[in-house]
Amino acid sequence: MKKRMTALAFALVLVCSTMLTGCVKVIKIGEEGKYTGDVEFNAGDDVAAIWEDSVLPEFEENAVDLTEFLSQSNGDLATLADKYGKYSMGDSGELSYVVKGTGTVSEVNTESQAGYMAVKLDGYTGTENVRIQIGPVYKGSSIRDSLSFIKFGDYKNQEEWAAVSQSINQVVAKDVIEPADPANLQGKTVSFIGAFTVSTGSSDVLITPTALEVK
């Protein structure tokens, strides 16, 4: 599944002529690819087209409760790969999980460029550090890599593949983080849906959220 939309707003005019008559064909904006066979890639358009109708519903459907997940994993986050996980390259690559949960914000770090909120999960007393990314820099590509309908093979090159993740993070910053106003969430209860990628040698959970609500 792959939709590419033009990044340039212009009307393309194709002119054809014969010895007897001339004709001008006006192509509607956004339909140039039907006639040229090539439409300029724009990751922002791609993500905007799928976010509300595809990304959010899939995350809501697939998210596993993080408290239950951490209890089942018993300190080994990779052990539940077959049950809940998705690898970035099919059966290899980085392992990501889609999760949801509710907890109290125990720390808000806005000093680092890769800012985060530390969350104490309701009903969980384990040792894992649960953090929600708040930017402005977002680490990893856990949301992109967790989606069933986005695959590396759908894109021309690594640059386009990386641009999709960057555009997803831009949507997260604008539509998820900014409305929640994380700088003022210390001590408050939040619920979230998002994804995290397992980090080798670490049991920390760093979540990029697709939904964040203050209770």
N, C-alpha and C. Protein backbone atom coordinates (compact mmCIF):
# COMPACT_ATOMS: atom_id res chain seq x y z
N MET A 1 0.84 -1.18 0.00
CA MET A 1 0.00 0.00 0.00
C MET A 1 0.88 1.23 0.00
N LYS A 2 0.68 2.06 -0.97
CA LYS A 2 1.58 3.20 -1.05
C LYS A 2 0.90 4.32 -1.79
N LYS A 3 0.78 5.47 -1.20
CA LYS A 3 0.20 6.61 -1.87
C LYS A 3 1.22 7.72 -1.87
N ARG A 4 1.48 8.25 -3.04
CA ARG A 4 2.41 9.36 -3.12
C ARG A 4 1.67 10.55 -3.69
N MET A 5 1.92 11.69 -3.12
CA MET A 5 1.19 12.89 -3.52
C MET A 5 2.20 13.96 -3.88
N THR A 6 1.87 14.79 -4.81
CA THR A 6 2.80 15.80 -5.29
C THR A 6 3.08 16.85 -4.25
N ALA A 7 4.33 17.33 -4.22
CA ALA A 7 4.70 18.38 -3.27
C ALA A 7 4.61 19.74 -3.91
N LEU A 8 4.35 19.83 -5.17
CA LEU A 8 4.30 21.10 -5.88
C LEU A 8 2.89 21.37 -6.34
N ALA A 9 2.40 22.57 -6.06
CA ALA A 9 1.05 22.92 -6.47
C ALA A 9 1.14 23.71 -7.77
N PHE A 10 0.97 23.00 -8.86
CA PHE A 10 1.03 23.69 -10.14
C PHE A 10 0.16 22.95 -11.13
N ALA A 11 -0.22 23.61 -12.19
CA ALA A 11 -1.00 22.99 -13.25
C ALA A 11 -0.06 22.65 -14.39
N LEU A 12 -0.13 21.41 -14.80
CA LEU A 12 0.73 20.95 -15.89
C LEU A 12 -0.06 20.98 -17.18
N VAL A 13 0.50 21.66 -18.15
CA VAL A 13 -0.18 21.79 -19.44
C VAL A 13 0.60 21.02 -20.50
N LEU A 14 -0.06 20.09 -21.14
CA LEU A 14 0.55 19.34 -22.22
C LEU A 14 0.00 19.86 -23.54
N VAL A 15 0.89 20.20 -24.43
CA VAL A 15 0.47 20.76 -25.71
C VAL A 15 0.79 19.78 -26.82
N CYS A 16 -0.20 19.44 -27.58
CA CYS A 16 0.03 18.57 -28.71
C CYS A 16 -0.45 19.27 -29.98
N SER A 17 0.19 19.00 -31.07
CA SER A 17 -0.19 19.65 -32.31
C SER A 17 -0.09 18.69 -33.47
N THR A 18 -0.88 18.92 -34.44
CA THR A 18 -0.83 18.17 -35.68
C THR A 18 -0.76 19.18 -36.81
N MET A 19 -0.67 18.69 -38.01
CA MET A 19 -0.57 19.59 -39.16
C MET A 19 -1.86 20.38 -39.34
N LEU A 20 -3.01 19.79 -38.96
CA LEU A 20 -4.28 20.45 -39.24
C LEU A 20 -4.81 21.22 -38.04
N THR A 21 -4.66 20.65 -36.85
CA THR A 21 -5.26 21.31 -35.68
C THR A 21 -4.27 21.28 -34.52
N GLY A 22 -4.51 22.09 -33.55
CA GLY A 22 -3.73 22.08 -32.33
C GLY A 22 -4.67 21.86 -31.16
N CYS A 23 -4.17 21.25 -30.08
CA CYS A 23 -5.01 21.05 -28.91
C CYS A 23 -4.18 21.26 -27.66
N VAL A 24 -4.85 21.72 -26.61
CA VAL A 24 -4.22 21.95 -25.33
C VAL A 24 -4.96 21.12 -24.29
N LYS A 25 -4.22 20.31 -23.54
CA LYS A 25 -4.85 19.49 -22.50
C LYS A 25 -4.39 19.99 -21.14
N VAL A 26 -5.32 20.39 -20.31
CA VAL A 26 -5.02 20.90 -18.97
C VAL A 26 -5.16 19.75 -17.98
N ILE A 27 -4.10 19.51 -17.21
CA ILE A 27 -4.09 18.44 -16.22
C ILE A 27 -4.36 19.04 -14.85
N LYS A 28 -5.29 18.46 -14.11
CA LYS A 28 -5.62 18.96 -12.79
C LYS A 28 -4.44 18.79 -11.83
N ILE A 29 -4.34 19.71 -10.89
CA ILE A 29 -3.31 19.64 -9.87
C ILE A 29 -3.47 18.33 -9.09
N GLY A 30 -2.35 17.63 -8.90
CA GLY A 30 -2.37 16.38 -8.17
C GLY A 30 -2.55 15.16 -9.05
N GLU A 31 -2.82 15.37 -10.36
CA GLU A 31 -3.04 14.23 -11.25
C GLU A 31 -1.93 14.11 -12.29
N GLU A 32 -0.83 14.81 -12.05
CA GLU A 32 0.25 14.81 -13.04
C GLU A 32 0.83 13.43 -13.27
N GLY A 33 0.89 12.63 -12.18
CA GLY A 33 1.50 11.31 -12.27
C GLY A 33 0.80 10.38 -13.23
N LYS A 34 -0.50 10.61 -13.47
CA LYS A 34 -1.24 9.78 -14.40
C LYS A 34 -0.69 9.91 -15.81
N TYR A 35 -0.10 11.07 -16.11
CA TYR A 35 0.35 11.35 -17.47
C TYR A 35 1.87 11.30 -17.60
N THR A 36 2.58 11.64 -16.52
CA THR A 36 4.05 11.65 -16.59
C THR A 36 4.66 10.35 -16.09
N GLY A 37 3.88 9.62 -15.25
CA GLY A 37 4.39 8.38 -14.69
C GLY A 37 5.30 8.58 -13.50
N ASP A 38 5.49 9.81 -13.05
CA ASP A 38 6.39 10.06 -11.92
C ASP A 38 5.88 11.25 -11.13
N VAL A 39 5.69 11.05 -9.83
CA VAL A 39 5.24 12.12 -8.94
C VAL A 39 6.29 12.31 -7.85
N GLU A 40 6.66 13.54 -7.59
CA GLU A 40 7.69 13.82 -6.60
C GLU A 40 7.27 13.33 -5.23
N PHE A 41 8.18 12.63 -4.54
CA PHE A 41 7.90 12.08 -3.23
C PHE A 41 7.79 13.19 -2.19
N ASN A 42 6.79 13.07 -1.32
CA ASN A 42 6.64 14.01 -0.22
C ASN A 42 6.17 13.24 1.01
N ALA A 43 7.07 13.01 1.95
CA ALA A 43 6.75 12.20 3.12
C ALA A 43 5.66 12.85 3.97
N GLY A 44 5.66 14.17 4.04
CA GLY A 44 4.65 14.86 4.83
C GLY A 44 3.26 14.59 4.31
N ASP A 45 3.09 14.62 3.00
CA ASP A 45 1.79 14.32 2.41
C ASP A 45 1.40 12.87 2.68
N ASP A 46 2.37 11.97 2.57
CA ASP A 46 2.10 10.56 2.83
C ASP A 46 1.56 10.35 4.24
N VAL A 47 2.24 10.90 5.22
CA VAL A 47 1.85 10.70 6.62
C VAL A 47 0.51 11.37 6.91
N ALA A 48 0.31 12.57 6.41
CA ALA A 48 -0.95 13.29 6.63
C ALA A 48 -2.13 12.48 6.09
N ALA A 49 -1.90 11.76 5.00
CA ALA A 49 -2.96 11.01 4.35
C ALA A 49 -3.37 9.76 5.13
N ILE A 50 -2.47 9.24 5.97
CA ILE A 50 -2.75 7.98 6.66
C ILE A 50 -2.91 8.11 8.16
N TRP A 51 -2.58 9.26 8.73
CA TRP A 51 -2.52 9.37 10.19
C TRP A 51 -3.86 9.09 10.87
N GLU A 52 -4.88 9.86 10.54
CA GLU A 52 -6.18 9.73 11.21
C GLU A 52 -6.89 8.43 10.86
N ASP A 53 -6.87 8.06 9.58
CA ASP A 53 -7.66 6.93 9.12
C ASP A 53 -6.98 5.57 9.28
N SER A 54 -5.66 5.56 9.35
CA SER A 54 -4.94 4.28 9.37
C SER A 54 -4.04 4.10 10.58
N VAL A 55 -3.18 5.09 10.87
CA VAL A 55 -2.22 4.94 11.97
C VAL A 55 -2.93 4.84 13.32
N LEU A 56 -3.76 5.82 13.63
CA LEU A 56 -4.40 5.84 14.95
C LEU A 56 -5.31 4.63 15.19
N PRO A 57 -6.17 4.25 14.23
CA PRO A 57 -6.99 3.05 14.47
C PRO A 57 -6.18 1.79 14.67
N GLU A 58 -5.09 1.61 13.91
CA GLU A 58 -4.29 0.40 14.08
C GLU A 58 -3.62 0.37 15.44
N PHE A 59 -3.12 1.50 15.91
CA PHE A 59 -2.49 1.55 17.23
C PHE A 59 -3.51 1.28 18.33
N GLU A 60 -4.70 1.86 18.21
CA GLU A 60 -5.73 1.64 19.22
C GLU A 60 -6.13 0.17 19.30
N GLU A 61 -6.17 -0.49 18.15
CA GLU A 61 -6.57 -1.89 18.10
C GLU A 61 -5.48 -2.82 18.63
N ASN A 62 -4.23 -2.51 18.35
CA ASN A 62 -3.14 -3.44 18.65
C ASN A 62 -2.41 -3.19 19.96
N ALA A 63 -2.65 -2.05 20.61
CA ALA A 63 -1.89 -1.70 21.81
C ALA A 63 -2.14 -2.69 22.94
N VAL A 64 -1.05 -3.18 23.53
CA VAL A 64 -1.13 -4.08 24.68
C VAL A 64 -0.88 -3.26 25.94
N ASP A 65 -1.57 -3.59 27.00
CA ASP A 65 -1.40 -2.86 28.25
C ASP A 65 0.04 -3.00 28.74
N LEU A 66 0.70 -1.87 28.97
CA LEU A 66 2.12 -1.89 29.29
C LEU A 66 2.40 -2.53 30.65
N THR A 67 1.53 -2.32 31.61
CA THR A 67 1.72 -2.94 32.92
C THR A 67 1.71 -4.46 32.78
N GLU A 68 0.75 -5.00 32.04
CA GLU A 68 0.69 -6.44 31.81
C GLU A 68 1.89 -6.93 31.01
N PHE A 69 2.27 -6.15 30.00
CA PHE A 69 3.41 -6.52 29.16
C PHE A 69 4.68 -6.65 29.99
N LEU A 70 4.97 -5.65 30.80
CA LEU A 70 6.20 -5.67 31.60
C LEU A 70 6.19 -6.80 32.63
N SER A 71 5.01 -7.10 33.17
CA SER A 71 4.91 -8.21 34.11
C SER A 71 5.18 -9.54 33.42
N GLN A 72 4.65 -9.70 32.21
CA GLN A 72 4.85 -10.94 31.45
C GLN A 72 6.31 -11.08 30.99
N SER A 73 6.92 -9.97 30.61
CA SER A 73 8.28 -10.04 30.07
C SER A 73 9.31 -10.37 31.13
N ASN A 74 9.01 -10.05 32.37
CA ASN A 74 9.88 -10.38 33.50
C ASN A 74 11.32 -9.91 33.28
N GLY A 75 11.45 -8.69 32.76
CA GLY A 75 12.77 -8.09 32.59
C GLY A 75 13.43 -8.34 31.25
N ASP A 76 12.86 -9.22 30.44
CA ASP A 76 13.41 -9.50 29.11
C ASP A 76 12.41 -9.05 28.06
N LEU A 77 12.58 -7.82 27.56
CA LEU A 77 11.58 -7.22 26.68
C LEU A 77 11.46 -7.93 25.33
N ALA A 78 12.49 -8.65 24.94
CA ALA A 78 12.46 -9.34 23.65
C ALA A 78 11.72 -10.67 23.71
N THR A 79 11.44 -11.14 24.91
CA THR A 79 10.85 -12.47 25.04
C THR A 79 9.43 -12.56 24.51
N LEU A 80 8.76 -11.43 24.36
CA LEU A 80 7.37 -11.43 23.88
C LEU A 80 7.28 -11.01 22.41
N ALA A 81 8.38 -11.12 21.68
CA ALA A 81 8.40 -10.69 20.28
C ALA A 81 7.37 -11.42 19.44
N ASP A 82 7.28 -12.72 19.59
CA ASP A 82 6.35 -13.50 18.77
C ASP A 82 4.89 -13.17 19.09
N LYS A 83 4.63 -12.78 20.30
CA LYS A 83 3.26 -12.52 20.73
C LYS A 83 2.79 -11.11 20.41
N TYR A 84 3.65 -10.13 20.62
CA TYR A 84 3.23 -8.73 20.47
C TYR A 84 4.10 -7.89 19.55
N GLY A 85 5.30 -8.35 19.22
CA GLY A 85 6.27 -7.48 18.57
C GLY A 85 6.21 -7.45 17.07
N LYS A 86 6.95 -6.52 16.50
CA LYS A 86 7.11 -6.41 15.05
C LYS A 86 8.54 -5.96 14.76
N TYR A 87 9.22 -6.70 13.88
CA TYR A 87 10.56 -6.35 13.48
C TYR A 87 10.53 -5.41 12.28
N SER A 88 11.47 -4.49 12.24
CA SER A 88 11.48 -3.47 11.20
C SER A 88 11.73 -4.03 9.81
N MET A 89 12.41 -5.19 9.72
CA MET A 89 12.73 -5.77 8.41
C MET A 89 12.08 -7.14 8.25
N GLY A 90 10.88 -7.29 8.73
CA GLY A 90 10.16 -8.55 8.59
C GLY A 90 10.45 -9.50 9.72
N ASP A 91 11.51 -10.29 9.61
CA ASP A 91 11.88 -11.20 10.68
C ASP A 91 13.23 -10.83 11.30
N SER A 92 13.68 -9.64 11.03
CA SER A 92 14.94 -9.16 11.59
C SER A 92 14.88 -7.64 11.74
N GLY A 93 15.96 -7.09 12.24
CA GLY A 93 16.00 -5.64 12.44
C GLY A 93 15.59 -5.26 13.85
N GLU A 94 15.14 -4.03 14.02
CA GLU A 94 14.77 -3.55 15.34
C GLU A 94 13.38 -4.05 15.73
N LEU A 95 13.25 -4.40 17.00
CA LEU A 95 12.00 -4.95 17.53
C LEU A 95 11.21 -3.86 18.25
N SER A 96 9.96 -3.66 17.83
CA SER A 96 9.12 -2.63 18.43
C SER A 96 7.80 -3.22 18.91
N TYR A 97 7.21 -2.54 19.89
CA TYR A 97 5.92 -2.95 20.45
C TYR A 97 4.98 -1.75 20.49
N VAL A 98 3.69 -2.00 20.29
CA VAL A 98 2.66 -0.98 20.45
C VAL A 98 2.02 -1.20 21.82
N VAL A 99 1.99 -0.16 22.65
CA VAL A 99 1.54 -0.30 24.03
C VAL A 99 0.62 0.84 24.43
N LYS A 100 -0.06 0.63 25.55
CA LYS A 100 -0.91 1.67 26.14
C LYS A 100 -0.81 1.57 27.65
N GLY A 101 -1.17 2.64 28.33
CA GLY A 101 -1.10 2.60 29.77
C GLY A 101 -1.57 3.88 30.41
N THR A 102 -1.60 3.86 31.74
CA THR A 102 -1.97 5.02 32.54
C THR A 102 -1.00 5.10 33.71
N GLY A 103 -0.59 6.31 34.04
CA GLY A 103 0.33 6.47 35.16
C GLY A 103 0.51 7.92 35.56
N THR A 104 1.35 8.11 36.56
CA THR A 104 1.60 9.45 37.09
C THR A 104 2.94 9.96 36.58
N VAL A 105 2.97 11.20 36.13
CA VAL A 105 4.21 11.80 35.63
C VAL A 105 5.09 12.15 36.83
N SER A 106 6.22 11.49 36.92
CA SER A 106 7.13 11.71 38.05
C SER A 106 8.27 12.66 37.72
N GLU A 107 8.50 12.91 36.44
CA GLU A 107 9.58 13.82 36.02
C GLU A 107 9.27 14.34 34.62
N VAL A 108 9.58 15.61 34.40
CA VAL A 108 9.47 16.19 33.06
C VAL A 108 10.82 16.80 32.72
N ASN A 109 11.47 16.26 31.71
CA ASN A 109 12.79 16.75 31.30
C ASN A 109 12.63 17.55 30.01
N THR A 110 12.75 18.85 30.13
CA THR A 110 12.68 19.73 28.96
C THR A 110 14.03 20.36 28.66
N GLU A 111 15.05 20.03 29.46
CA GLU A 111 16.37 20.60 29.26
C GLU A 111 17.10 19.93 28.09
N SER A 112 16.90 18.65 27.96
CA SER A 112 17.51 17.91 26.86
C SER A 112 16.73 18.15 25.56
N GLN A 113 17.44 18.15 24.43
CA GLN A 113 16.77 18.23 23.14
C GLN A 113 15.86 17.02 22.94
N ALA A 114 16.32 15.87 23.41
CA ALA A 114 15.50 14.66 23.37
C ALA A 114 14.72 14.58 24.68
N GLY A 115 13.77 15.48 24.84
CA GLY A 115 13.03 15.59 26.09
C GLY A 115 12.12 14.39 26.33
N TYR A 116 11.75 14.19 27.61
CA TYR A 116 10.89 13.07 27.95
C TYR A 116 10.14 13.34 29.25
N MET A 117 9.09 12.55 29.46
CA MET A 117 8.39 12.50 30.74
C MET A 117 8.58 11.11 31.32
N ALA A 118 8.99 11.02 32.57
CA ALA A 118 9.04 9.74 33.26
C ALA A 118 7.67 9.46 33.86
N VAL A 119 7.20 8.22 33.69
CA VAL A 119 5.85 7.86 34.14
C VAL A 119 5.91 6.65 35.06
N LYS A 120 5.27 6.77 36.21
CA LYS A 120 5.11 5.63 37.11
C LYS A 120 3.78 4.98 36.78
N LEU A 121 3.86 3.78 36.21
CA LEU A 121 2.65 3.10 35.74
C LEU A 121 1.75 2.68 36.90
N ASP A 122 0.45 2.81 36.69
CA ASP A 122 -0.51 2.33 37.68
C ASP A 122 -0.38 0.81 37.83
N GLY A 123 -0.27 0.36 39.06
CA GLY A 123 -0.27 -1.06 39.33
C GLY A 123 1.01 -1.79 38.99
N TYR A 124 2.10 -1.07 38.73
CA TYR A 124 3.34 -1.75 38.38
C TYR A 124 4.46 -1.31 39.32
N THR A 125 5.20 -2.28 39.83
CA THR A 125 6.28 -1.99 40.79
C THR A 125 7.63 -2.50 40.30
N GLY A 126 7.75 -2.81 39.02
CA GLY A 126 9.00 -3.33 38.48
C GLY A 126 10.07 -2.26 38.36
N THR A 127 11.21 -2.67 37.81
CA THR A 127 12.38 -1.79 37.77
C THR A 127 12.54 -1.02 36.47
N GLU A 128 11.76 -1.34 35.46
CA GLU A 128 11.91 -0.65 34.17
C GLU A 128 11.59 0.84 34.30
N ASN A 129 12.36 1.65 33.60
CA ASN A 129 12.08 3.09 33.52
C ASN A 129 11.19 3.34 32.32
N VAL A 130 10.00 3.85 32.56
CA VAL A 130 9.05 4.14 31.48
C VAL A 130 9.08 5.64 31.21
N ARG A 131 9.40 5.98 29.97
CA ARG A 131 9.47 7.38 29.59
C ARG A 131 8.71 7.61 28.30
N ILE A 132 8.10 8.78 28.20
CA ILE A 132 7.38 9.19 26.99
C ILE A 132 8.14 10.34 26.35
N GLN A 133 8.48 10.20 25.09
CA GLN A 133 9.22 11.25 24.39
C GLN A 133 8.34 12.49 24.20
N ILE A 134 8.94 13.66 24.45
CA ILE A 134 8.22 14.92 24.24
C ILE A 134 9.00 15.88 23.32
N GLY A 135 10.15 15.44 22.81
CA GLY A 135 10.89 16.23 21.84
C GLY A 135 11.62 17.44 22.46
N PRO A 136 12.09 18.33 21.58
CA PRO A 136 11.79 18.42 20.14
C PRO A 136 12.49 17.38 19.26
N VAL A 137 13.51 16.70 19.80
CA VAL A 137 14.17 15.63 19.06
C VAL A 137 13.58 14.30 19.52
N TYR A 138 13.22 13.45 18.55
CA TYR A 138 12.63 12.15 18.88
C TYR A 138 13.57 11.04 18.42
N LYS A 139 13.87 10.14 19.33
CA LYS A 139 14.78 9.04 19.02
C LYS A 139 14.03 7.88 18.38
N GLY A 140 14.68 7.24 17.41
CA GLY A 140 14.14 6.02 16.85
C GLY A 140 13.01 6.21 15.86
N SER A 141 12.48 5.07 15.39
CA SER A 141 11.40 5.05 14.38
C SER A 141 10.34 4.04 14.79
N SER A 142 10.01 3.99 16.06
CA SER A 142 9.16 2.92 16.57
C SER A 142 7.75 2.96 15.99
N ILE A 143 7.19 4.15 15.75
CA ILE A 143 5.84 4.21 15.18
C ILE A 143 5.85 3.67 13.76
N ARG A 144 6.74 4.18 12.94
CA ARG A 144 6.83 3.71 11.55
C ARG A 144 7.05 2.21 11.50
N ASP A 145 7.98 1.70 12.32
CA ASP A 145 8.35 0.29 12.27
C ASP A 145 7.28 -0.63 12.83
N SER A 146 6.30 -0.08 13.55
CA SER A 146 5.24 -0.89 14.14
C SER A 146 4.04 -1.05 13.22
N LEU A 147 3.96 -0.24 12.18
CA LEU A 147 2.78 -0.25 11.31
C LEU A 147 2.83 -1.41 10.33
N SER A 148 1.69 -2.07 10.16
CA SER A 148 1.63 -3.24 9.28
C SER A 148 1.62 -2.87 7.80
N PHE A 149 1.19 -1.66 7.48
CA PHE A 149 0.98 -1.29 6.08
C PHE A 149 2.08 -0.40 5.51
N ILE A 150 3.15 -0.17 6.26
CA ILE A 150 4.29 0.58 5.75
C ILE A 150 5.49 -0.34 5.72
N LYS A 151 6.09 -0.49 4.55
CA LYS A 151 7.22 -1.39 4.38
C LYS A 151 8.34 -0.68 3.63
N PHE A 152 9.56 -1.02 3.99
CA PHE A 152 10.72 -0.40 3.35
C PHE A 152 10.70 -0.58 1.83
N GLY A 153 10.24 -1.73 1.38
CA GLY A 153 10.22 -2.02 -0.04
C GLY A 153 9.29 -1.15 -0.85
N ASP A 154 8.41 -0.40 -0.18
CA ASP A 154 7.50 0.50 -0.88
C ASP A 154 8.18 1.82 -1.28
N TYR A 155 9.39 2.03 -0.81
CA TYR A 155 10.06 3.31 -1.03
C TYR A 155 11.30 3.14 -1.89
N LYS A 156 11.67 4.20 -2.55
CA LYS A 156 12.77 4.13 -3.51
C LYS A 156 14.13 3.92 -2.87
N ASN A 157 14.32 4.51 -1.70
CA ASN A 157 15.65 4.47 -1.08
C ASN A 157 15.56 4.72 0.42
N GLN A 158 16.70 4.66 1.08
CA GLN A 158 16.78 4.85 2.52
C GLN A 158 16.37 6.26 2.93
N GLU A 159 16.64 7.23 2.06
CA GLU A 159 16.31 8.62 2.37
C GLU A 159 14.79 8.80 2.49
N GLU A 160 14.05 8.21 1.55
CA GLU A 160 12.59 8.30 1.63
C GLU A 160 12.06 7.56 2.86
N TRP A 161 12.65 6.42 3.15
CA TRP A 161 12.24 5.62 4.31
C TRP A 161 12.45 6.41 5.60
N ALA A 162 13.59 7.08 5.71
CA ALA A 162 13.87 7.89 6.90
C ALA A 162 12.95 9.11 6.97
N ALA A 163 12.62 9.68 5.81
CA ALA A 163 11.76 10.86 5.78
C ALA A 163 10.36 10.56 6.32
N VAL A 164 9.88 9.34 6.11
CA VAL A 164 8.58 8.95 6.63
C VAL A 164 8.59 9.01 8.16
N SER A 165 9.62 8.48 8.78
CA SER A 165 9.72 8.52 10.23
C SER A 165 9.82 9.96 10.74
N GLN A 166 10.59 10.78 10.05
CA GLN A 166 10.72 12.18 10.44
C GLN A 166 9.38 12.91 10.37
N SER A 167 8.61 12.61 9.34
CA SER A 167 7.30 13.24 9.19
C SER A 167 6.33 12.76 10.25
N ILE A 168 6.41 11.47 10.61
CA ILE A 168 5.58 10.96 11.69
C ILE A 168 5.91 11.70 12.98
N ASN A 169 7.18 11.90 13.27
CA ASN A 169 7.57 12.61 14.49
C ASN A 169 7.09 14.06 14.49
N GLN A 170 7.03 14.67 13.32
CA GLN A 170 6.50 16.03 13.22
C GLN A 170 5.01 16.07 13.56
N VAL A 171 4.28 15.05 13.12
CA VAL A 171 2.86 14.97 13.46
C VAL A 171 2.69 14.74 14.96
N VAL A 172 3.52 13.88 15.52
CA VAL A 172 3.48 13.63 16.97
C VAL A 172 3.70 14.93 17.74
N ALA A 173 4.71 15.68 17.33
CA ALA A 173 5.02 16.95 18.02
C ALA A 173 3.85 17.92 17.97
N LYS A 174 3.23 18.03 16.80
CA LYS A 174 2.17 19.04 16.60
C LYS A 174 0.81 18.60 17.15
N ASP A 175 0.45 17.34 16.90
CA ASP A 175 -0.90 16.89 17.21
C ASP A 175 -1.03 16.15 18.54
N VAL A 176 0.09 15.65 19.06
CA VAL A 176 0.02 14.86 20.30
C VAL A 176 0.68 15.58 21.47
N ILE A 177 1.92 15.99 21.29
CA ILE A 177 2.68 16.58 22.40
C ILE A 177 2.26 18.02 22.70
N GLU A 178 2.19 18.84 21.69
CA GLU A 178 1.89 20.26 21.91
C GLU A 178 0.56 20.48 22.64
N PRO A 179 -0.54 19.82 22.26
CA PRO A 179 -1.79 20.03 22.98
C PRO A 179 -1.75 19.55 24.44
N ALA A 180 -0.90 18.57 24.74
CA ALA A 180 -0.84 18.05 26.11
C ALA A 180 -0.07 18.96 27.05
N ASP A 181 0.75 19.87 26.52
CA ASP A 181 1.52 20.83 27.31
C ASP A 181 2.33 20.12 28.40
N PRO A 182 3.30 19.27 28.00
CA PRO A 182 4.00 18.43 28.97
C PRO A 182 4.77 19.18 30.05
N ALA A 183 5.17 20.40 29.80
CA ALA A 183 5.92 21.16 30.81
C ALA A 183 5.13 21.34 32.10
N ASN A 184 3.80 21.21 32.01
CA ASN A 184 2.94 21.40 33.18
C ASN A 184 2.29 20.10 33.67
N LEU A 185 2.89 18.97 33.35
CA LEU A 185 2.26 17.69 33.70
C LEU A 185 2.90 17.00 34.91
N GLN A 186 3.88 17.60 35.52
CA GLN A 186 4.52 17.00 36.69
C GLN A 186 3.46 16.67 37.74
N GLY A 187 3.43 15.40 38.21
CA GLY A 187 2.51 14.99 39.25
C GLY A 187 1.11 14.65 38.77
N LYS A 188 0.84 14.82 37.49
CA LYS A 188 -0.49 14.56 36.96
C LYS A 188 -0.58 13.15 36.37
N THR A 189 -1.80 12.66 36.27
CA THR A 189 -2.05 11.35 35.70
C THR A 189 -2.31 11.47 34.21
N VAL A 190 -1.65 10.62 33.43
CA VAL A 190 -1.83 10.64 31.98
C VAL A 190 -2.12 9.23 31.49
N SER A 191 -2.85 9.16 30.38
CA SER A 191 -3.00 7.89 29.67
C SER A 191 -2.37 8.08 28.30
N PHE A 192 -1.88 6.98 27.72
CA PHE A 192 -1.13 7.10 26.47
C PHE A 192 -1.29 5.85 25.63
N ILE A 193 -1.08 6.03 24.34
CA ILE A 193 -0.89 4.94 23.39
C ILE A 193 0.35 5.31 22.59
N GLY A 194 1.18 4.33 22.29
CA GLY A 194 2.38 4.64 21.53
C GLY A 194 3.18 3.39 21.24
N ALA A 195 4.42 3.58 20.83
CA ALA A 195 5.29 2.46 20.50
C ALA A 195 6.68 2.70 21.06
N PHE A 196 7.38 1.61 21.34
CA PHE A 196 8.77 1.73 21.76
C PHE A 196 9.58 0.63 21.09
N THR A 197 10.87 0.89 20.91
CA THR A 197 11.80 -0.07 20.33
C THR A 197 12.71 -0.61 21.43
N VAL A 198 12.89 -1.90 21.43
CA VAL A 198 13.74 -2.54 22.43
C VAL A 198 15.19 -2.12 22.19
N SER A 199 15.82 -1.65 23.24
CA SER A 199 17.21 -1.23 23.18
C SER A 199 18.10 -2.34 23.74
N THR A 200 19.07 -2.77 22.96
CA THR A 200 19.94 -3.87 23.38
C THR A 200 20.66 -3.54 24.69
N GLY A 201 20.54 -4.45 25.63
CA GLY A 201 21.22 -4.29 26.90
C GLY A 201 20.53 -3.36 27.88
N SER A 202 19.32 -2.93 27.55
CA SER A 202 18.60 -2.02 28.43
C SER A 202 17.16 -2.47 28.56
N SER A 203 16.61 -2.31 29.75
CA SER A 203 15.20 -2.62 29.98
C SER A 203 14.34 -1.36 30.01
N ASP A 204 14.95 -0.22 29.70
CA ASP A 204 14.20 1.03 29.68
C ASP A 204 13.20 1.03 28.53
N VAL A 205 12.07 1.68 28.74
CA VAL A 205 11.00 1.76 27.75
C VAL A 205 10.82 3.22 27.37
N LEU A 206 11.20 3.56 26.13
CA LEU A 206 11.11 4.93 25.65
C LEU A 206 10.02 4.98 24.58
N ILE A 207 8.88 5.56 24.95
CA ILE A 207 7.68 5.50 24.11
C ILE A 207 7.52 6.78 23.29
N THR A 208 7.27 6.59 22.00
CA THR A 208 6.83 7.71 21.15
C THR A 208 5.32 7.62 21.07
N PRO A 209 4.59 8.62 21.57
CA PRO A 209 3.14 8.49 21.68
C PRO A 209 2.38 8.86 20.41
N THR A 210 1.29 8.14 20.17
CA THR A 210 0.33 8.54 19.14
C THR A 210 -0.91 9.18 19.78
N ALA A 211 -1.07 8.97 21.08
CA ALA A 211 -2.16 9.58 21.84
C ALA A 211 -1.67 9.84 23.26
N LEU A 212 -2.02 11.00 23.80
CA LEU A 212 -1.61 11.38 25.15
C LEU A 212 -2.70 12.24 25.74
N GLU A 213 -3.26 11.75 26.83
CA GLU A 213 -4.40 12.44 27.46
C GLU A 213 -4.13 12.67 28.94
N VAL A 214 -4.45 13.87 29.40
CA VAL A 214 -4.30 14.20 30.81
C VAL A 214 -5.60 13.86 31.52
N LYS A 215 -5.51 13.10 32.59
CA LYS A 215 -6.70 12.70 33.36
C LYS A 215 -7.11 13.75 34.36
